[in-house]
Amino acid sequence: MIYKIIVVMIGYFFIVLCGYLIRLMLRGYEINLGGLKSAGMAIGIIERILILTFVLLNQYTAITIIFAAKSIARFNELKDRKISEYYLIGTLLSITFALITGIIVRFLIKK
C-alpha cells in the first residue's frame, strides 16, 4: 500500500515539474499574451493535476472538459493565429505529459 501511495505522489510531483519542461520547450515560440504573470504556469499545473486524477480514476472522457474550459476562456484570443498555435502547442504538451504520467502510474500501481 505504501508503494502505491509513493508512486502516485511521485506522479503528481513529476507533473508539477513538467511545467518547467513545457516552458523550456515553448521558449522558441514565446509571444506576449498579457494577463497575469505566471498564470499560464499555474493553469498548466492545475490542468495536469486534474488530468492525472482523471486518468487514475479511469475517467478519460472528463479530460475533454478541461480542454473545452480553456478554449472558452481564450475564445477571443484564439482568433490570432500565433496565439492559437502557441496555446495549442502548450495545451497538447501539457495533456500529453499528464496522460503518459497517468498511464505509467496506473501501470505501476496495478502490479
N, C-alpha and C. Protein backbone atom coordinates (compact mmCIF):
# COMPACT_ATOMS: atom_id res chain seq x y z
N MET A 1 0.83 -1.20 0.00
CA MET A 1 0.00 0.00 0.00
C MET A 1 0.87 1.26 0.00
N ILE A 2 1.92 1.28 0.80
CA ILE A 2 2.82 2.43 0.86
C ILE A 2 3.46 2.65 -0.51
N TYR A 3 3.81 1.57 -1.18
CA TYR A 3 4.40 1.65 -2.52
C TYR A 3 3.48 2.42 -3.47
N LYS A 4 2.19 2.09 -3.45
CA LYS A 4 1.23 2.74 -4.34
C LYS A 4 1.11 4.24 -4.02
N ILE A 5 1.08 4.57 -2.76
CA ILE A 5 0.98 5.98 -2.35
C ILE A 5 2.20 6.76 -2.82
N ILE A 6 3.37 6.15 -2.66
CA ILE A 6 4.61 6.82 -3.09
C ILE A 6 4.63 7.00 -4.60
N VAL A 7 4.22 5.99 -5.35
CA VAL A 7 4.20 6.08 -6.81
C VAL A 7 3.24 7.19 -7.25
N VAL A 8 2.07 7.27 -6.65
CA VAL A 8 1.10 8.31 -7.00
C VAL A 8 1.66 9.69 -6.65
N MET A 9 2.27 9.81 -5.49
CA MET A 9 2.85 11.10 -5.08
C MET A 9 3.97 11.53 -6.04
N ILE A 10 4.78 10.60 -6.45
CA ILE A 10 5.84 10.90 -7.41
C ILE A 10 5.23 11.35 -8.74
N GLY A 11 4.15 10.71 -9.14
CA GLY A 11 3.45 11.09 -10.37
C GLY A 11 2.97 12.53 -10.31
N TYR A 12 2.33 12.91 -9.20
CA TYR A 12 1.86 14.29 -9.05
C TYR A 12 3.03 15.27 -9.00
N PHE A 13 4.07 14.91 -8.30
CA PHE A 13 5.25 15.78 -8.21
C PHE A 13 5.85 15.97 -9.60
N PHE A 14 5.94 14.91 -10.38
CA PHE A 14 6.51 14.98 -11.71
C PHE A 14 5.71 15.90 -12.62
N ILE A 15 4.39 15.80 -12.59
CA ILE A 15 3.61 16.64 -13.50
C ILE A 15 3.67 18.11 -13.10
N VAL A 16 3.89 18.39 -11.83
CA VAL A 16 4.09 19.79 -11.44
C VAL A 16 5.41 20.29 -12.05
N LEU A 17 6.45 19.47 -11.97
CA LEU A 17 7.74 19.84 -12.54
C LEU A 17 7.71 19.92 -14.07
N CYS A 18 6.78 19.22 -14.69
CA CYS A 18 6.67 19.25 -16.15
C CYS A 18 6.40 20.67 -16.66
N GLY A 19 5.85 21.52 -15.83
CA GLY A 19 5.60 22.90 -16.23
C GLY A 19 6.88 23.59 -16.68
N TYR A 20 7.96 23.31 -15.99
CA TYR A 20 9.24 23.92 -16.35
C TYR A 20 9.77 23.33 -17.66
N LEU A 21 9.54 22.04 -17.87
CA LEU A 21 9.95 21.41 -19.12
C LEU A 21 9.14 21.97 -20.29
N ILE A 22 7.84 22.14 -20.08
CA ILE A 22 6.98 22.70 -21.13
C ILE A 22 7.39 24.14 -21.43
N ARG A 23 7.67 24.91 -20.41
CA ARG A 23 8.13 26.29 -20.60
C ARG A 23 9.41 26.30 -21.44
N LEU A 24 10.32 25.38 -21.14
CA LEU A 24 11.56 25.27 -21.90
C LEU A 24 11.28 24.92 -23.36
N MET A 25 10.36 23.99 -23.58
CA MET A 25 10.02 23.56 -24.93
C MET A 25 9.34 24.68 -25.73
N LEU A 26 8.62 25.55 -25.05
CA LEU A 26 7.90 26.65 -25.71
C LEU A 26 8.74 27.91 -25.85
N ARG A 27 9.92 27.91 -25.29
CA ARG A 27 10.75 29.11 -25.26
C ARG A 27 10.95 29.70 -26.65
N GLY A 28 11.12 28.89 -27.65
CA GLY A 28 11.32 29.37 -29.01
C GLY A 28 10.08 29.97 -29.64
N TYR A 29 8.92 29.73 -29.03
CA TYR A 29 7.65 30.20 -29.58
C TYR A 29 7.03 31.34 -28.78
N GLU A 30 7.73 31.81 -27.76
CA GLU A 30 7.13 32.77 -26.83
C GLU A 30 6.54 33.99 -27.52
N ILE A 31 5.34 34.32 -27.07
CA ILE A 31 4.67 35.53 -27.51
C ILE A 31 4.10 36.20 -26.27
N ASN A 32 3.84 37.47 -26.35
CA ASN A 32 3.30 38.19 -25.19
C ASN A 32 1.79 38.06 -25.18
N LEU A 33 1.30 37.30 -24.22
CA LEU A 33 -0.14 37.08 -24.11
C LEU A 33 -0.80 38.07 -23.17
N GLY A 34 -0.01 38.84 -22.44
CA GLY A 34 -0.60 39.71 -21.43
C GLY A 34 -1.09 38.86 -20.26
N GLY A 35 -2.02 39.36 -19.53
CA GLY A 35 -2.59 38.60 -18.41
C GLY A 35 -1.69 38.61 -17.20
N LEU A 36 -2.02 37.78 -16.25
CA LEU A 36 -1.28 37.71 -15.00
C LEU A 36 0.06 37.01 -15.19
N LYS A 37 1.05 37.51 -14.49
CA LYS A 37 2.38 36.89 -14.57
C LYS A 37 2.33 35.48 -13.98
N SER A 38 2.85 34.53 -14.70
CA SER A 38 2.91 33.11 -14.31
C SER A 38 1.55 32.43 -14.22
N ALA A 39 0.50 33.06 -14.72
CA ALA A 39 -0.83 32.44 -14.68
C ALA A 39 -0.86 31.19 -15.55
N GLY A 40 -0.18 31.24 -16.70
CA GLY A 40 -0.15 30.08 -17.58
C GLY A 40 0.47 28.87 -16.91
N MET A 41 1.52 29.10 -16.13
CA MET A 41 2.17 28.01 -15.40
C MET A 41 1.21 27.42 -14.36
N ALA A 42 0.52 28.29 -13.63
CA ALA A 42 -0.43 27.82 -12.61
C ALA A 42 -1.59 27.06 -13.25
N ILE A 43 -2.11 27.58 -14.36
CA ILE A 43 -3.20 26.91 -15.06
C ILE A 43 -2.74 25.54 -15.55
N GLY A 44 -1.52 25.48 -16.08
CA GLY A 44 -0.98 24.21 -16.56
C GLY A 44 -0.82 23.18 -15.45
N ILE A 45 -0.37 23.63 -14.30
CA ILE A 45 -0.21 22.71 -13.16
C ILE A 45 -1.57 22.15 -12.74
N ILE A 46 -2.55 23.03 -12.62
CA ILE A 46 -3.90 22.58 -12.24
C ILE A 46 -4.45 21.63 -13.29
N GLU A 47 -4.24 21.97 -14.55
CA GLU A 47 -4.69 21.14 -15.67
C GLU A 47 -4.09 19.74 -15.58
N ARG A 48 -2.78 19.66 -15.38
CA ARG A 48 -2.12 18.35 -15.30
C ARG A 48 -2.54 17.57 -14.06
N ILE A 49 -2.75 18.23 -12.94
CA ILE A 49 -3.23 17.56 -11.73
C ILE A 49 -4.61 16.95 -11.99
N LEU A 50 -5.49 17.72 -12.62
CA LEU A 50 -6.83 17.19 -12.93
C LEU A 50 -6.75 16.03 -13.90
N ILE A 51 -5.93 16.16 -14.93
CA ILE A 51 -5.82 15.08 -15.92
C ILE A 51 -5.26 13.82 -15.27
N LEU A 52 -4.22 13.95 -14.47
CA LEU A 52 -3.67 12.77 -13.79
C LEU A 52 -4.73 12.14 -12.88
N THR A 53 -5.47 12.96 -12.18
CA THR A 53 -6.53 12.44 -11.31
C THR A 53 -7.58 11.70 -12.12
N PHE A 54 -7.99 12.28 -13.26
CA PHE A 54 -8.99 11.62 -14.12
C PHE A 54 -8.45 10.30 -14.67
N VAL A 55 -7.19 10.25 -15.05
CA VAL A 55 -6.60 9.00 -15.55
C VAL A 55 -6.58 7.96 -14.45
N LEU A 56 -6.18 8.36 -13.25
CA LEU A 56 -6.12 7.40 -12.13
C LEU A 56 -7.51 6.89 -11.76
N LEU A 57 -8.54 7.71 -12.01
CA LEU A 57 -9.91 7.29 -11.74
C LEU A 57 -10.58 6.65 -12.95
N ASN A 58 -9.79 6.47 -14.03
CA ASN A 58 -10.30 5.87 -15.27
C ASN A 58 -11.44 6.69 -15.88
N GLN A 59 -11.32 8.00 -15.80
CA GLN A 59 -12.33 8.92 -16.34
C GLN A 59 -11.74 9.75 -17.48
N TYR A 60 -11.36 9.08 -18.54
CA TYR A 60 -10.68 9.75 -19.65
C TYR A 60 -11.56 10.79 -20.34
N THR A 61 -12.84 10.54 -20.42
CA THR A 61 -13.72 11.50 -21.10
C THR A 61 -13.81 12.83 -20.36
N ALA A 62 -13.58 12.83 -19.07
CA ALA A 62 -13.63 14.07 -18.29
C ALA A 62 -12.52 15.04 -18.70
N ILE A 63 -11.48 14.53 -19.32
CA ILE A 63 -10.37 15.37 -19.76
C ILE A 63 -10.84 16.39 -20.80
N THR A 64 -11.85 16.04 -21.57
CA THR A 64 -12.36 16.98 -22.58
C THR A 64 -12.92 18.25 -21.94
N ILE A 65 -13.40 18.15 -20.72
CA ILE A 65 -13.94 19.32 -20.01
C ILE A 65 -12.84 20.36 -19.82
N ILE A 66 -11.65 19.92 -19.50
CA ILE A 66 -10.53 20.84 -19.29
C ILE A 66 -10.21 21.58 -20.58
N PHE A 67 -10.10 20.82 -21.67
CA PHE A 67 -9.77 21.43 -22.95
C PHE A 67 -10.87 22.41 -23.37
N ALA A 68 -12.12 22.05 -23.16
CA ALA A 68 -13.24 22.93 -23.51
C ALA A 68 -13.22 24.20 -22.67
N ALA A 69 -12.98 24.06 -21.38
CA ALA A 69 -12.95 25.23 -20.49
C ALA A 69 -11.84 26.19 -20.89
N LYS A 70 -10.68 25.65 -21.21
CA LYS A 70 -9.56 26.51 -21.63
C LYS A 70 -9.89 27.21 -22.95
N SER A 71 -10.52 26.51 -23.85
CA SER A 71 -10.87 27.09 -25.15
C SER A 71 -11.90 28.20 -25.00
N ILE A 72 -12.88 28.00 -24.14
CA ILE A 72 -13.90 29.03 -23.90
C ILE A 72 -13.26 30.26 -23.27
N ALA A 73 -12.37 30.05 -22.31
CA ALA A 73 -11.73 31.17 -21.63
C ALA A 73 -10.87 32.01 -22.57
N ARG A 74 -10.33 31.39 -23.60
CA ARG A 74 -9.43 32.09 -24.53
C ARG A 74 -10.07 32.30 -25.90
N PHE A 75 -11.37 32.16 -26.00
CA PHE A 75 -12.06 32.18 -27.29
C PHE A 75 -11.67 33.38 -28.15
N ASN A 76 -11.74 34.58 -27.61
CA ASN A 76 -11.44 35.78 -28.40
C ASN A 76 -9.97 35.84 -28.81
N GLU A 77 -9.08 35.41 -27.93
CA GLU A 77 -7.65 35.44 -28.24
C GLU A 77 -7.27 34.44 -29.32
N LEU A 78 -8.04 33.37 -29.46
CA LEU A 78 -7.70 32.30 -30.39
C LEU A 78 -7.92 32.69 -31.85
N LYS A 79 -8.46 33.87 -32.08
CA LYS A 79 -8.62 34.35 -33.44
C LYS A 79 -7.28 34.75 -34.04
N ASP A 80 -6.32 35.07 -33.18
CA ASP A 80 -4.95 35.38 -33.62
C ASP A 80 -4.21 34.06 -33.82
N ARG A 81 -3.73 33.84 -35.03
CA ARG A 81 -3.09 32.56 -35.37
C ARG A 81 -1.91 32.23 -34.47
N LYS A 82 -1.04 33.22 -34.19
CA LYS A 82 0.14 32.96 -33.35
C LYS A 82 -0.27 32.54 -31.95
N ILE A 83 -1.25 33.24 -31.40
CA ILE A 83 -1.71 32.91 -30.04
C ILE A 83 -2.35 31.53 -30.04
N SER A 84 -3.17 31.23 -31.05
CA SER A 84 -3.86 29.93 -31.06
C SER A 84 -2.86 28.78 -31.22
N GLU A 85 -1.82 28.98 -32.05
CA GLU A 85 -0.81 27.93 -32.21
C GLU A 85 -0.01 27.73 -30.91
N TYR A 86 0.36 28.82 -30.27
CA TYR A 86 1.10 28.76 -29.01
C TYR A 86 0.25 28.05 -27.94
N TYR A 87 -1.00 28.43 -27.86
CA TYR A 87 -1.95 27.84 -26.91
C TYR A 87 -2.09 26.33 -27.17
N LEU A 88 -2.24 25.97 -28.44
CA LEU A 88 -2.44 24.57 -28.79
C LEU A 88 -1.20 23.73 -28.48
N ILE A 89 -0.03 24.24 -28.82
CA ILE A 89 1.21 23.51 -28.52
C ILE A 89 1.35 23.30 -27.02
N GLY A 90 1.17 24.35 -26.24
CA GLY A 90 1.29 24.25 -24.79
C GLY A 90 0.27 23.31 -24.17
N THR A 91 -0.97 23.43 -24.62
CA THR A 91 -2.03 22.57 -24.09
C THR A 91 -1.80 21.10 -24.44
N LEU A 92 -1.44 20.85 -25.69
CA LEU A 92 -1.20 19.46 -26.09
C LEU A 92 0.00 18.85 -25.39
N LEU A 93 1.06 19.64 -25.19
CA LEU A 93 2.20 19.15 -24.42
C LEU A 93 1.78 18.81 -22.99
N SER A 94 1.02 19.71 -22.39
CA SER A 94 0.57 19.52 -21.01
C SER A 94 -0.29 18.26 -20.88
N ILE A 95 -1.24 18.12 -21.78
CA ILE A 95 -2.13 16.95 -21.75
C ILE A 95 -1.33 15.67 -21.99
N THR A 96 -0.39 15.71 -22.93
CA THR A 96 0.41 14.53 -23.24
C THR A 96 1.25 14.10 -22.04
N PHE A 97 1.93 15.05 -21.40
CA PHE A 97 2.73 14.71 -20.22
C PHE A 97 1.85 14.11 -19.12
N ALA A 98 0.70 14.70 -18.89
CA ALA A 98 -0.18 14.21 -17.83
C ALA A 98 -0.75 12.83 -18.16
N LEU A 99 -1.15 12.62 -19.41
CA LEU A 99 -1.69 11.31 -19.81
C LEU A 99 -0.63 10.21 -19.69
N ILE A 100 0.55 10.49 -20.22
CA ILE A 100 1.62 9.48 -20.15
C ILE A 100 1.98 9.17 -18.71
N THR A 101 2.10 10.22 -17.89
CA THR A 101 2.40 10.01 -16.47
C THR A 101 1.30 9.19 -15.82
N GLY A 102 0.05 9.51 -16.10
CA GLY A 102 -1.08 8.78 -15.53
C GLY A 102 -1.08 7.32 -15.93
N ILE A 103 -0.81 7.06 -17.19
CA ILE A 103 -0.79 5.68 -17.68
C ILE A 103 0.34 4.90 -17.01
N ILE A 104 1.50 5.52 -16.87
CA ILE A 104 2.63 4.85 -16.21
C ILE A 104 2.32 4.59 -14.74
N VAL A 105 1.76 5.60 -14.06
CA VAL A 105 1.42 5.44 -12.64
C VAL A 105 0.38 4.33 -12.48
N ARG A 106 -0.66 4.33 -13.32
CA ARG A 106 -1.67 3.26 -13.23
C ARG A 106 -1.04 1.90 -13.43
N PHE A 107 -0.14 1.78 -14.39
CA PHE A 107 0.54 0.51 -14.65
C PHE A 107 1.33 0.07 -13.42
N LEU A 108 2.06 1.00 -12.81
CA LEU A 108 2.91 0.66 -11.66
C LEU A 108 2.09 0.30 -10.41
N ILE A 109 0.94 0.92 -10.22
CA ILE A 109 0.17 0.61 -9.01
C ILE A 109 -0.73 -0.60 -9.19
N LYS A 110 -0.90 -1.06 -10.43
CA LYS A 110 -1.69 -2.28 -10.68
C LYS A 110 -0.89 -3.54 -10.36
N LYS A 111 0.44 -3.41 -10.34
CA LYS A 111 1.31 -4.58 -10.09
C LYS A 111 1.17 -5.07 -8.68
